[in-house]
Amino acid sequence: MLILVDFASEKPIYMQIYEQIVRKISNGSLRPGEGLPSVRRLSEDIGVNIHTVNKTYAILREEGYVKMNTRSGASIELKNPDKQKLIPALQEKFEILSAQAAIHGISEEEFIRYASQAYEQVVSNSEREKQI
């Protein structure tokens, strides 16, 4: 599994790994039942601390994307997520993005247009990947 980390980025490494795995699940590159590298192996492959990968996997597990098994390791398991649990986290992210947009003079209409475009791109990429 290819994960690229930008060590110069201000974004925490665990979040970079998390976001790439979520994107791979979204576009079908990672499918339910598919195993992820062990925490140790992934940390060695990308050159980060084992605790960084462990934190990423813990978040993925908490959010229902990954199942952890002491014998077989981590695998993709898309539980039917409880949307009511997801909504507060999304609202928090939207609030931060909205604040950033407002600070930079982006109107509500522009913000909604950009969000819609991003969503369409994710869905479009997912459909394209499924056809391959």
C-alpha atoms as a PDB file:
ATOM      1  CA  MET A   1       0.000   0.000   0.000  1.00  0.00           C
ATOM      2  CA  LEU A   2       1.467   3.301  -1.076  1.00  0.00           C
ATOM      3  CA  ILE A   3       1.300   6.027   1.551  1.00  0.00           C
ATOM      4  CA  LEU A   4       3.232   9.232   0.976  1.00  0.00           C
ATOM      5  CA  VAL A   5       4.091  11.431   3.920  1.00  0.00           C
ATOM      6  CA  ASP A   6       5.204  15.036   3.660  1.00  0.00           C
ATOM      7  CA  PHE A   7       7.513  15.517   6.619  1.00  0.00           C
ATOM      8  CA  ALA A   8       7.672  19.258   5.907  1.00  0.00           C
ATOM      9  CA  SER A   9       3.890  19.645   6.111  1.00  0.00           C
ATOM     10  CA  GLU A  10       2.236  21.322   9.050  1.00  0.00           C
ATOM     11  CA  LYS A  11      -0.428  18.603   8.927  1.00  0.00           C
ATOM     12  CA  PRO A  12       0.337  15.884  11.511  1.00  0.00           C
ATOM     13  CA  ILE A  13       1.708  12.691  10.008  1.00  0.00           C
ATOM     14  CA  TYR A  14      -0.994  10.506  11.572  1.00  0.00           C
ATOM     15  CA  MET A  15      -3.603  12.700   9.869  1.00  0.00           C
ATOM     16  CA  GLN A  16      -1.838  12.455   6.503  1.00  0.00           C
ATOM     17  CA  ILE A  17      -1.909   8.645   6.791  1.00  0.00           C
ATOM     18  CA  TYR A  18      -5.538   8.675   7.968  1.00  0.00           C
ATOM     19  CA  GLU A  19      -6.689  10.868   5.089  1.00  0.00           C
ATOM     20  CA  GLN A  20      -4.912   8.734   2.475  1.00  0.00           C
ATOM     21  CA  ILE A  21      -6.449   5.528   3.823  1.00  0.00           C
ATOM     22  CA  VAL A  22      -9.945   7.079   3.909  1.00  0.00           C
ATOM     23  CA  ARG A  23      -9.483   8.265   0.322  1.00  0.00           C
ATOM     24  CA  LYS A  24      -8.361   4.776  -0.731  1.00  0.00           C
ATOM     25  CA  ILE A  25     -11.476   3.298   0.891  1.00  0.00           C
ATOM     26  CA  SER A  26     -13.652   5.917  -0.805  1.00  0.00           C
ATOM     27  CA  ASN A  27     -12.228   5.297  -4.267  1.00  0.00           C
ATOM     28  CA  GLY A  28     -12.284   1.513  -3.928  1.00  0.00           C
ATOM     29  CA  SER A  29      -8.513   1.003  -3.780  1.00  0.00           C
ATOM     30  CA  LEU A  30      -9.083  -0.567  -0.365  1.00  0.00           C
ATOM     31  CA  ARG A  31     -12.087  -2.844  -0.097  1.00  0.00           C
ATOM     32  CA  PRO A  32     -13.889  -4.457   2.835  1.00  0.00           C
ATOM     33  CA  GLY A  33     -12.014  -7.502   4.069  1.00  0.00           C
ATOM     34  CA  GLU A  34      -8.709  -6.318   2.633  1.00  0.00           C
ATOM     35  CA  GLY A  35      -5.857  -6.342   5.104  1.00  0.00           C
ATOM     36  CA  LEU A  36      -3.759  -3.348   5.969  1.00  0.00           C
ATOM     37  CA  PRO A  37      -0.046  -3.608   6.675  1.00  0.00           C
ATOM     38  CA  SER A  38       0.825  -4.259  10.293  1.00  0.00           C
ATOM     39  CA  VAL A  39       1.506  -1.185  12.367  1.00  0.00           C
ATOM     40  CA  ARG A  40       5.181  -2.108  12.491  1.00  0.00           C
ATOM     41  CA  ARG A  41       5.480  -2.759   8.761  1.00  0.00           C
ATOM     42  CA  LEU A  42       3.702   0.447   7.718  1.00  0.00           C
ATOM     43  CA  SER A  43       5.776   2.507  10.150  1.00  0.00           C
ATOM     44  CA  GLU A  44       8.957   1.007   8.677  1.00  0.00           C
ATOM     45  CA  ASP A  45       7.746   1.421   5.082  1.00  0.00           C
ATOM     46  CA  ILE A  46       7.067   5.136   5.441  1.00  0.00           C
ATOM     47  CA  GLY A  47       9.734   5.872   8.046  1.00  0.00           C
ATOM     48  CA  VAL A  48       7.597   7.046  10.933  1.00  0.00           C
ATOM     49  CA  ASN A  49       7.282   6.113  14.578  1.00  0.00           C
ATOM     50  CA  ILE A  50       5.193   3.019  15.298  1.00  0.00           C
ATOM     51  CA  HIS A  51       3.010   5.055  17.679  1.00  0.00           C
ATOM     52  CA  THR A  52       2.063   7.387  14.813  1.00  0.00           C
ATOM     53  CA  VAL A  53       0.652   4.512  12.758  1.00  0.00           C
ATOM     54  CA  ASN A  54      -0.952   3.017  15.851  1.00  0.00           C
ATOM     55  CA  LYS A  55      -2.757   6.329  16.469  1.00  0.00           C
ATOM     56  CA  THR A  56      -3.971   6.385  12.859  1.00  0.00           C
ATOM     57  CA  TYR A  57      -5.295   2.821  13.057  1.00  0.00           C
ATOM     58  CA  ALA A  58      -7.002   3.579  16.382  1.00  0.00           C
ATOM     59  CA  ILE A  59      -8.878   6.510  14.833  1.00  0.00           C
ATOM     60  CA  LEU A  60      -9.840   4.424  11.794  1.00  0.00           C
ATOM     61  CA  ARG A  61     -11.122   1.719  14.142  1.00  0.00           C
ATOM     62  CA  GLU A  62     -13.093   4.187  16.258  1.00  0.00           C
ATOM     63  CA  GLU A  63     -14.728   5.610  13.140  1.00  0.00           C
ATOM     64  CA  GLY A  64     -15.716   2.175  11.862  1.00  0.00           C
ATOM     65  CA  TYR A  65     -13.369   1.894   8.887  1.00  0.00           C
ATOM     66  CA  VAL A  66     -11.009  -0.735  10.267  1.00  0.00           C
ATOM     67  CA  LYS A  67     -11.327  -3.892  12.288  1.00  0.00           C
ATOM     68  CA  MET A  68      -8.410  -4.817  14.519  1.00  0.00           C
ATOM     69  CA  ASN A  69      -7.599  -8.440  15.277  1.00  0.00           C
ATOM     70  CA  THR A  70      -4.687  -9.462  17.475  1.00  0.00           C
ATOM     71  CA  ARG A  71      -3.857 -12.378  15.170  1.00  0.00           C
ATOM     72  CA  SER A  72      -4.609 -11.116  11.679  1.00  0.00           C
ATOM     73  CA  GLY A  73      -3.975  -7.394  12.209  1.00  0.00           C
ATOM     74  CA  ALA A  74      -5.974  -4.574  10.688  1.00  0.00           C
ATOM     75  CA  SER A  75      -8.442  -5.002   7.858  1.00  0.00           C
ATOM     76  CA  ILE A  76     -10.986  -2.795   6.166  1.00  0.00           C
ATOM     77  CA  GLU A  77     -14.405  -3.254   7.719  1.00  0.00           C
ATOM     78  CA  LEU A  78     -16.996  -0.750   6.748  1.00  0.00           C
ATOM     79  CA  LYS A  79     -19.513  -0.959   9.516  1.00  0.00           C
ATOM     80  CA  ASN A  80     -22.715   0.700   8.578  1.00  0.00           C
ATOM     81  CA  PRO A  81     -21.671   3.905  10.252  1.00  0.00           C
ATOM     82  CA  ASP A  82     -24.068   5.578  12.579  1.00  0.00           C
ATOM     83  CA  LYS A  83     -24.599   8.855  10.762  1.00  0.00           C
ATOM     84  CA  GLN A  84     -25.687  10.466  14.011  1.00  0.00           C
ATOM     85  CA  LYS A  85     -22.213   9.764  15.433  1.00  0.00           C
ATOM     86  CA  LEU A  86     -20.517  11.137  12.338  1.00  0.00           C
ATOM     87  CA  ILE A  87     -22.501  14.362  12.081  1.00  0.00           C
ATOM     88  CA  PRO A  88     -20.955  16.155  15.112  1.00  0.00           C
ATOM     89  CA  ALA A  89     -17.443  15.446  13.821  1.00  0.00           C
ATOM     90  CA  LEU A  90     -18.403  16.692  10.358  1.00  0.00           C
ATOM     91  CA  GLN A  91     -20.011  19.804  11.829  1.00  0.00           C
ATOM     92  CA  GLU A  92     -16.835  20.566  13.737  1.00  0.00           C
ATOM     93  CA  LYS A  93     -14.770  20.220  10.564  1.00  0.00           C
ATOM     94  CA  PHE A  94     -17.247  22.371   8.640  1.00  0.00           C
ATOM     95  CA  GLU A  95     -17.080  25.043  11.352  1.00  0.00           C
ATOM     96  CA  ILE A  96     -13.299  25.260  11.060  1.00  0.00           C
ATOM     97  CA  LEU A  97     -13.454  25.315   7.255  1.00  0.00           C
ATOM     98  CA  SER A  98     -16.220  27.934   7.397  1.00  0.00           C
ATOM     99  CA  ALA A  99     -14.164  30.088   9.744  1.00  0.00           C
ATOM    100  CA  GLN A 100     -11.154  29.848   7.439  1.00  0.00           C
ATOM    101  CA  ALA A 101     -13.310  30.710   4.435  1.00  0.00           C
ATOM    102  CA  ALA A 102     -14.845  33.709   6.210  1.00  0.00           C
ATOM    103  CA  ILE A 103     -11.441  34.996   7.306  1.00  0.00           C
ATOM    104  CA  HIS A 104     -10.270  34.894   3.697  1.00  0.00           C
ATOM    105  CA  GLY A 105     -13.375  36.564   2.319  1.00  0.00           C
ATOM    106  CA  ILE A 106     -14.916  33.501   0.699  1.00  0.00           C
ATOM    107  CA  SER A 107     -18.681  33.919   0.514  1.00  0.00           C
ATOM    108  CA  GLU A 108     -21.151  31.290   1.653  1.00  0.00           C
ATOM    109  CA  GLU A 109     -22.103  30.635  -1.963  1.00  0.00           C
ATOM    110  CA  GLU A 110     -18.454  30.113  -2.958  1.00  0.00           C
ATOM    111  CA  PHE A 111     -17.881  27.887   0.064  1.00  0.00           C
ATOM    112  CA  ILE A 112     -20.876  25.719  -0.790  1.00  0.00           C
ATOM    113  CA  ARG A 113     -19.784  25.559  -4.428  1.00  0.00           C
ATOM    114  CA  TYR A 114     -16.267  24.428  -3.447  1.00  0.00           C
ATOM    115  CA  ALA A 115     -17.675  21.840  -1.030  1.00  0.00           C
ATOM    116  CA  SER A 116     -20.027  20.558  -3.709  1.00  0.00           C
ATOM    117  CA  GLN A 117     -17.207  20.352  -6.250  1.00  0.00           C
ATOM    118  CA  ALA A 118     -15.014  18.438  -3.798  1.00  0.00           C
ATOM    119  CA  TYR A 119     -17.830  15.996  -3.054  1.00  0.00           C
ATOM    120  CA  GLU A 120     -18.547  15.503  -6.769  1.00  0.00           C
ATOM    121  CA  GLN A 121     -14.848  14.862  -7.402  1.00  0.00           C
ATOM    122  CA  VAL A 122     -14.677  12.222  -4.665  1.00  0.00           C
ATOM    123  CA  VAL A 123     -17.786  10.481  -5.981  1.00  0.00           C
ATOM    124  CA  SER A 124     -16.559  10.729  -9.563  1.00  0.00           C
ATOM    125  CA  ASN A 125     -13.126   9.337  -8.644  1.00  0.00           C
ATOM    126  CA  SER A 126     -14.783   6.505  -6.710  1.00  0.00           C
ATOM    127  CA  GLU A 127     -16.942   5.567  -9.690  1.00  0.00           C
ATOM    128  CA  ARG A 128     -13.974   5.757 -12.047  1.00  0.00           C
ATOM    129  CA  GLU A 129     -11.848   3.523  -9.777  1.00  0.00           C
ATOM    130  CA  LYS A 130     -14.654   0.945  -9.522  1.00  0.00           C
ATOM    131  CA  GLN A 131     -14.730   0.658 -13.312  1.00  0.00           C
ATOM    132  CA  ILE A 132     -11.019  -0.154 -13.529  1.00  0.00           C
END
